[in-house]
Every structure is written in C-alpha cells, then in structure tokens.
Amino acid sequence: MDILIEFAKLLIPAGAVLYGMYLVVKSFVQKELNQAAIELRSQNHEIALPMRLQAYERICLFLERIAPNNLVLRLRDNAHSAREFQHVLVNHIREEYNHNLSQQIYISDQAWELVKNAKEEVIAAINQSAQGLPEQANSLDLAKRIFDGMMQKGLEPTTHALLQIKQEVRTLF
C-alpha cells in the first residue's frame, strides 16, 4: 500500500505537469495556426483585390458600352435597315455579356443580378423601339425611337446598375 501511495505522489504531480505542458503546447500551436491563417488571408487579399477591381472595371465598361446612347452611336450604320440594326444591337449586347460572364466570380450576387437585369432591360428597350416600325425604316429611325424611349423613361437601364457597382467598389476600401 505504501508503494501505491508513493507511486501516486509521483504520478499526480507528473500528470499535472504533463497536462500543463499539453495546454501550453496546444495554445502555442493554435496561436501559430491563427497567425498562419491571417497571413494567408492577407496574401489572398493582395492577390484577389486587384482581380476584383479589374472585374468591377470590366463590368463598368460593359455597362457603359451597352448603355443605349453609347451603343447606338457606336454601332449605327446608315446601310442597315431598322430590323438589321436591331439584330446588330442585340447581338452586340449578348456578345459583350458573354465576354464578361466570368466576372461574376469577383462581384456580389446582387451586383451581378443588377448587371443581368440591365442587359435584359436594354434588349427589351431596343425590341420595344423596333416594334411598329415600318419595314422600310432605317437604322436612324430605330435610333430615334430608342432615344425617345430612353428620354421618356428618364433613367437609362444601365445607370442604376452602374451606381450600385460603384457603391460596392467603395466598400472595398
């Protein structure tokens, strides 16, 4: 029995010391892991931030390029009929959109939804403007109707999305 008591006198302090060392090592390892995670996030931020900013720039450029006033002025060709011009405008918007699809990875879901809605609204405005035009109408007639439609609405479909994108970029800083 004395041996057991002597053994317990040695074992209990040794166990306490081992448990204390375990807690110290665990705390140290956890601190190192947290520091490594912070450093990794910092490095990711240094890499991802420029890519996100570039994505926002490309989306802003996309929205500016599909804004009806810019789109019509850039693509108008007097050789086209109104129907041909309508197809040129819509196809150009879709090509621009497809070219920028990958940018949705870097922007918020809400911002991307606004971009998609702006694209659809511009296409709808072009198609509505083309409705009711006579077959012999030319690209200038369609351009006038598009501009008239935009003036009646007061706000271009891309303006709201562009403002939201700018506001989202400001939150990055």
C-alpha atoms as a PDB file:
ATOM      1  CA  MET A   1       0.000   0.000   0.000  1.00  0.00           C
ATOM      2  CA  ASP A   2       2.889   2.332   0.750  1.00  0.00           C
ATOM      3  CA  ILE A   3       4.204   1.730  -2.735  1.00  0.00           C
ATOM      4  CA  LEU A   4       0.909   2.817  -4.222  1.00  0.00           C
ATOM      5  CA  ILE A   5       0.876   5.997  -2.158  1.00  0.00           C
ATOM      6  CA  GLU A   6       4.458   6.768  -3.136  1.00  0.00           C
ATOM      7  CA  PHE A   7       3.611   5.997  -6.755  1.00  0.00           C
ATOM      8  CA  ALA A   8       0.576   8.326  -6.566  1.00  0.00           C
ATOM      9  CA  LYS A   9       2.761  11.061  -5.029  1.00  0.00           C
ATOM     10  CA  LEU A  10       4.954  10.876  -8.107  1.00  0.00           C
ATOM     11  CA  LEU A  11       2.234  10.244 -10.676  1.00  0.00           C
ATOM     12  CA  ILE A  12      -0.178  13.044  -9.707  1.00  0.00           C
ATOM     13  CA  PRO A  13       2.392  15.905  -9.954  1.00  0.00           C
ATOM     14  CA  ALA A  14       3.866  14.394 -13.116  1.00  0.00           C
ATOM     15  CA  GLY A  15       0.358  14.166 -14.611  1.00  0.00           C
ATOM     16  CA  ALA A  16      -0.349  17.769 -13.655  1.00  0.00           C
ATOM     17  CA  VAL A  17       2.927  18.909 -15.242  1.00  0.00           C
ATOM     18  CA  LEU A  18       2.181  16.920 -18.414  1.00  0.00           C
ATOM     19  CA  TYR A  19      -1.338  18.343 -18.600  1.00  0.00           C
ATOM     20  CA  GLY A  20       0.040  21.864 -18.110  1.00  0.00           C
ATOM     21  CA  MET A  21       2.587  21.290 -20.886  1.00  0.00           C
ATOM     22  CA  TYR A  22      -0.171  19.933 -23.118  1.00  0.00           C
ATOM     23  CA  LEU A  23      -2.205  23.121 -22.590  1.00  0.00           C
ATOM     24  CA  VAL A  24       0.822  25.329 -23.282  1.00  0.00           C
ATOM     25  CA  VAL A  25       1.719  23.453 -26.478  1.00  0.00           C
ATOM     26  CA  LYS A  26      -1.913  23.404 -27.613  1.00  0.00           C
ATOM     27  CA  SER A  27      -2.195  27.157 -27.052  1.00  0.00           C
ATOM     28  CA  PHE A  28       1.067  27.768 -28.906  1.00  0.00           C
ATOM     29  CA  VAL A  29       0.043  25.616 -31.871  1.00  0.00           C
ATOM     30  CA  GLN A  30      -3.385  27.287 -32.037  1.00  0.00           C
ATOM     31  CA  LYS A  31      -1.772  30.727 -31.988  1.00  0.00           C
ATOM     32  CA  GLU A  32       0.594  29.726 -34.801  1.00  0.00           C
ATOM     33  CA  LEU A  33      -2.283  28.326 -36.880  1.00  0.00           C
ATOM     34  CA  ASN A  34      -4.288  31.507 -36.390  1.00  0.00           C
ATOM     35  CA  GLN A  35      -1.314  33.626 -37.380  1.00  0.00           C
ATOM     36  CA  ALA A  36      -0.736  31.488 -40.479  1.00  0.00           C
ATOM     37  CA  ALA A  37      -4.413  31.823 -41.424  1.00  0.00           C
ATOM     38  CA  ILE A  38      -4.240  35.610 -41.036  1.00  0.00           C
ATOM     39  CA  GLU A  39      -1.121  35.728 -43.185  1.00  0.00           C
ATOM     40  CA  LEU A  40      -2.764  33.531 -45.830  1.00  0.00           C
ATOM     41  CA  ARG A  41      -5.853  35.775 -45.890  1.00  0.00           C
ATOM     42  CA  SER A  42      -3.598  38.786 -46.237  1.00  0.00           C
ATOM     43  CA  GLN A  43      -1.768  37.223 -49.162  1.00  0.00           C
ATOM     44  CA  ASN A  44      -5.072  36.218 -50.769  1.00  0.00           C
ATOM     45  CA  HIS A  45      -6.321  39.757 -50.305  1.00  0.00           C
ATOM     46  CA  GLU A  46      -3.218  41.120 -52.031  1.00  0.00           C
ATOM     47  CA  ILE A  47      -3.837  38.809 -54.978  1.00  0.00           C
ATOM     48  CA  ALA A  48      -7.639  38.891 -55.097  1.00  0.00           C
ATOM     49  CA  LEU A  49      -8.205  42.615 -54.602  1.00  0.00           C
ATOM     50  CA  PRO A  50      -6.584  43.648 -57.891  1.00  0.00           C
ATOM     51  CA  MET A  51      -8.534  40.914 -59.679  1.00  0.00           C
ATOM     52  CA  ARG A  52     -11.790  42.050 -58.077  1.00  0.00           C
ATOM     53  CA  LEU A  53     -11.093  45.661 -59.000  1.00  0.00           C
ATOM     54  CA  GLN A  54     -10.353  44.617 -62.566  1.00  0.00           C
ATOM     55  CA  ALA A  55     -13.653  42.712 -62.648  1.00  0.00           C
ATOM     56  CA  TYR A  56     -15.525  45.768 -61.411  1.00  0.00           C
ATOM     57  CA  GLU A  57     -13.777  47.864 -64.053  1.00  0.00           C
ATOM     58  CA  ARG A  58     -14.783  45.422 -66.776  1.00  0.00           C
ATOM     59  CA  ILE A  59     -18.383  45.349 -65.553  1.00  0.00           C
ATOM     60  CA  CYS A  60     -18.499  49.160 -65.510  1.00  0.00           C
ATOM     61  CA  LEU A  61     -17.089  49.200 -69.026  1.00  0.00           C
ATOM     62  CA  PHE A  62     -19.671  46.614 -70.085  1.00  0.00           C
ATOM     63  CA  LEU A  63     -22.496  48.703 -68.656  1.00  0.00           C
ATOM     64  CA  GLU A  64     -21.188  51.837 -70.337  1.00  0.00           C
ATOM     65  CA  ARG A  65     -20.807  50.029 -73.653  1.00  0.00           C
ATOM     66  CA  ILE A  66     -24.370  48.673 -73.619  1.00  0.00           C
ATOM     67  CA  ALA A  67     -25.935  51.946 -72.493  1.00  0.00           C
ATOM     68  CA  PRO A  68     -28.337  52.740 -75.338  1.00  0.00           C
ATOM     69  CA  ASN A  69     -26.871  56.148 -76.125  1.00  0.00           C
ATOM     70  CA  ASN A  70     -23.319  54.770 -76.370  1.00  0.00           C
ATOM     71  CA  LEU A  71     -24.357  51.569 -78.120  1.00  0.00           C
ATOM     72  CA  VAL A  72     -26.430  53.248 -80.803  1.00  0.00           C
ATOM     73  CA  LEU A  73     -23.852  55.920 -81.549  1.00  0.00           C
ATOM     74  CA  ARG A  74     -21.022  53.405 -81.723  1.00  0.00           C
ATOM     75  CA  LEU A  75     -22.779  50.833 -83.936  1.00  0.00           C
ATOM     76  CA  ARG A  76     -25.076  52.930 -86.103  1.00  0.00           C
ATOM     77  CA  ASP A  77     -24.592  52.347 -89.789  1.00  0.00           C
ATOM     78  CA  ASN A  78     -26.894  54.006 -92.309  1.00  0.00           C
ATOM     79  CA  ALA A  79     -26.612  50.975 -94.582  1.00  0.00           C
ATOM     80  CA  HIS A  80     -28.669  48.856 -92.147  1.00  0.00           C
ATOM     81  CA  SER A  81     -32.414  48.628 -92.093  1.00  0.00           C
ATOM     82  CA  ALA A  82     -34.117  49.068 -88.726  1.00  0.00           C
ATOM     83  CA  ARG A  83     -34.540  45.272 -88.338  1.00  0.00           C
ATOM     84  CA  GLU A  84     -30.910  44.605 -89.227  1.00  0.00           C
ATOM     85  CA  PHE A  85     -29.795  47.309 -86.829  1.00  0.00           C
ATOM     86  CA  GLN A  86     -31.964  45.826 -84.087  1.00  0.00           C
ATOM     87  CA  HIS A  87     -30.248  42.454 -84.599  1.00  0.00           C
ATOM     88  CA  VAL A  88     -26.814  44.094 -84.633  1.00  0.00           C
ATOM     89  CA  LEU A  89     -27.528  45.882 -81.341  1.00  0.00           C
ATOM     90  CA  VAL A  90     -28.970  42.847 -79.573  1.00  0.00           C
ATOM     91  CA  ASN A  91     -26.209  40.536 -80.809  1.00  0.00           C
ATOM     92  CA  HIS A  92     -23.560  43.031 -79.745  1.00  0.00           C
ATOM     93  CA  ILE A  93     -25.035  43.231 -76.244  1.00  0.00           C
ATOM     94  CA  ARG A  94     -25.140  39.446 -75.956  1.00  0.00           C
ATOM     95  CA  GLU A  95     -21.549  39.104 -77.187  1.00  0.00           C
ATOM     96  CA  GLU A  96     -20.363  41.719 -74.702  1.00  0.00           C
ATOM     97  CA  TYR A  97     -22.259  39.951 -71.921  1.00  0.00           C
ATOM     98  CA  ASN A  98     -20.836  36.541 -72.836  1.00  0.00           C
ATOM     99  CA  HIS A  99     -17.362  38.049 -72.932  1.00  0.00           C
ATOM    100  CA  ASN A 100     -17.788  39.287 -69.351  1.00  0.00           C
ATOM    101  CA  LEU A 101     -19.558  36.275 -67.824  1.00  0.00           C
ATOM    102  CA  SER A 102     -16.514  35.214 -65.831  1.00  0.00           C
ATOM    103  CA  GLN A 103     -16.530  38.498 -63.915  1.00  0.00           C
ATOM    104  CA  GLN A 104     -19.459  37.309 -61.826  1.00  0.00           C
ATOM    105  CA  ILE A 105     -16.988  35.318 -59.730  1.00  0.00           C
ATOM    106  CA  TYR A 106     -15.477  38.503 -58.343  1.00  0.00           C
ATOM    107  CA  ILE A 107     -18.569  40.617 -57.707  1.00  0.00           C
ATOM    108  CA  SER A 108     -21.503  40.107 -55.345  1.00  0.00           C
ATOM    109  CA  ASP A 109     -24.561  38.160 -56.414  1.00  0.00           C
ATOM    110  CA  GLN A 110     -26.713  41.275 -56.018  1.00  0.00           C
ATOM    111  CA  ALA A 111     -24.435  43.288 -58.294  1.00  0.00           C
ATOM    112  CA  TRP A 112     -24.380  40.544 -60.898  1.00  0.00           C
ATOM    113  CA  GLU A 113     -28.165  40.356 -60.795  1.00  0.00           C
ATOM    114  CA  LEU A 114     -28.314  44.111 -61.470  1.00  0.00           C
ATOM    115  CA  VAL A 115     -25.962  43.679 -64.427  1.00  0.00           C
ATOM    116  CA  LYS A 116     -28.121  40.903 -65.875  1.00  0.00           C
ATOM    117  CA  ASN A 117     -31.270  42.957 -65.357  1.00  0.00           C
ATOM    118  CA  ALA A 118     -29.693  46.000 -67.013  1.00  0.00           C
ATOM    119  CA  LYS A 119     -28.727  43.891 -70.028  1.00  0.00           C
ATOM    120  CA  GLU A 120     -32.248  42.485 -70.313  1.00  0.00           C
ATOM    121  CA  GLU A 121     -33.820  45.939 -69.936  1.00  0.00           C
ATOM    122  CA  VAL A 122     -31.634  47.370 -72.699  1.00  0.00           C
ATOM    123  CA  ILE A 123     -32.520  44.475 -75.007  1.00  0.00           C
ATOM    124  CA  ALA A 124     -36.209  44.916 -74.154  1.00  0.00           C
ATOM    125  CA  ALA A 125     -35.975  48.671 -74.847  1.00  0.00           C
ATOM    126  CA  ILE A 126     -34.386  48.018 -78.237  1.00  0.00           C
ATOM    127  CA  ASN A 127     -37.004  45.404 -79.131  1.00  0.00           C
ATOM    128  CA  GLN A 128     -39.866  47.656 -77.981  1.00  0.00           C
ATOM    129  CA  SER A 129     -38.460  50.530 -80.014  1.00  0.00           C
ATOM    130  CA  ALA A 130     -38.288  48.311 -83.095  1.00  0.00           C
ATOM    131  CA  GLN A 131     -41.910  47.225 -82.764  1.00  0.00           C
ATOM    132  CA  GLY A 132     -44.251  49.060 -85.023  1.00  0.00           C
ATOM    133  CA  LEU A 133     -41.560  50.447 -87.312  1.00  0.00           C
ATOM    134  CA  PRO A 134     -42.354  50.048 -90.987  1.00  0.00           C
ATOM    135  CA  GLU A 135     -40.310  47.529 -92.989  1.00  0.00           C
ATOM    136  CA  GLN A 136     -38.564  50.313 -94.933  1.00  0.00           C
ATOM    137  CA  ALA A 137     -37.377  52.059 -91.750  1.00  0.00           C
ATOM    138  CA  ASN A 138     -33.636  52.527 -91.476  1.00  0.00           C
ATOM    139  CA  SER A 139     -31.194  52.450 -88.581  1.00  0.00           C
ATOM    140  CA  LEU A 140     -31.660  56.181 -87.971  1.00  0.00           C
ATOM    141  CA  ASP A 141     -35.404  55.681 -87.413  1.00  0.00           C
ATOM    142  CA  LEU A 142     -34.710  52.953 -84.853  1.00  0.00           C
ATOM    143  CA  ALA A 143     -32.028  55.064 -83.162  1.00  0.00           C
ATOM    144  CA  LYS A 144     -34.500  57.953 -82.808  1.00  0.00           C
ATOM    145  CA  ARG A 145     -37.112  55.678 -81.257  1.00  0.00           C
ATOM    146  CA  ILE A 146     -34.586  54.222 -78.847  1.00  0.00           C
ATOM    147  CA  PHE A 147     -33.509  57.712 -77.743  1.00  0.00           C
ATOM    148  CA  ASP A 148     -37.134  58.824 -77.433  1.00  0.00           C
ATOM    149  CA  GLY A 149     -37.916  55.775 -75.305  1.00  0.00           C
ATOM    150  CA  MET A 150     -34.952  56.467 -73.035  1.00  0.00           C
ATOM    151  CA  MET A 151     -35.951  60.109 -72.647  1.00  0.00           C
ATOM    152  CA  GLN A 152     -39.482  59.075 -71.659  1.00  0.00           C
ATOM    153  CA  LYS A 153     -38.159  56.669 -69.015  1.00  0.00           C
ATOM    154  CA  GLY A 154     -35.764  59.312 -67.758  1.00  0.00           C
ATOM    155  CA  LEU A 155     -33.163  56.851 -66.496  1.00  0.00           C
ATOM    156  CA  GLU A 156     -31.139  54.507 -68.651  1.00  0.00           C
ATOM    157  CA  PRO A 157     -31.393  50.874 -67.559  1.00  0.00           C
ATOM    158  CA  THR A 158     -27.655  50.678 -67.001  1.00  0.00           C
ATOM    159  CA  THR A 159     -27.437  53.727 -64.737  1.00  0.00           C
ATOM    160  CA  HIS A 160     -28.877  52.056 -61.640  1.00  0.00           C
ATOM    161  CA  ALA A 161     -26.596  49.033 -62.006  1.00  0.00           C
ATOM    162  CA  LEU A 162     -23.579  51.264 -62.566  1.00  0.00           C
ATOM    163  CA  LEU A 163     -24.332  53.282 -59.425  1.00  0.00           C
ATOM    164  CA  GLN A 164     -24.671  50.102 -57.363  1.00  0.00           C
ATOM    165  CA  ILE A 165     -21.400  48.716 -58.751  1.00  0.00           C
ATOM    166  CA  LYS A 166     -19.598  51.933 -57.837  1.00  0.00           C
ATOM    167  CA  GLN A 167     -21.062  51.826 -54.352  1.00  0.00           C
ATOM    168  CA  GLU A 168     -19.943  48.223 -53.916  1.00  0.00           C
ATOM    169  CA  VAL A 169     -16.402  49.086 -55.005  1.00  0.00           C
ATOM    170  CA  ARG A 170     -16.292  51.852 -52.418  1.00  0.00           C
ATOM    171  CA  THR A 171     -16.933  49.291 -49.684  1.00  0.00           C
ATOM    172  CA  LEU A 172     -13.670  47.536 -50.585  1.00  0.00           C
ATOM    173  CA  PHE A 173     -11.661  50.459 -49.242  1.00  0.00           C
END
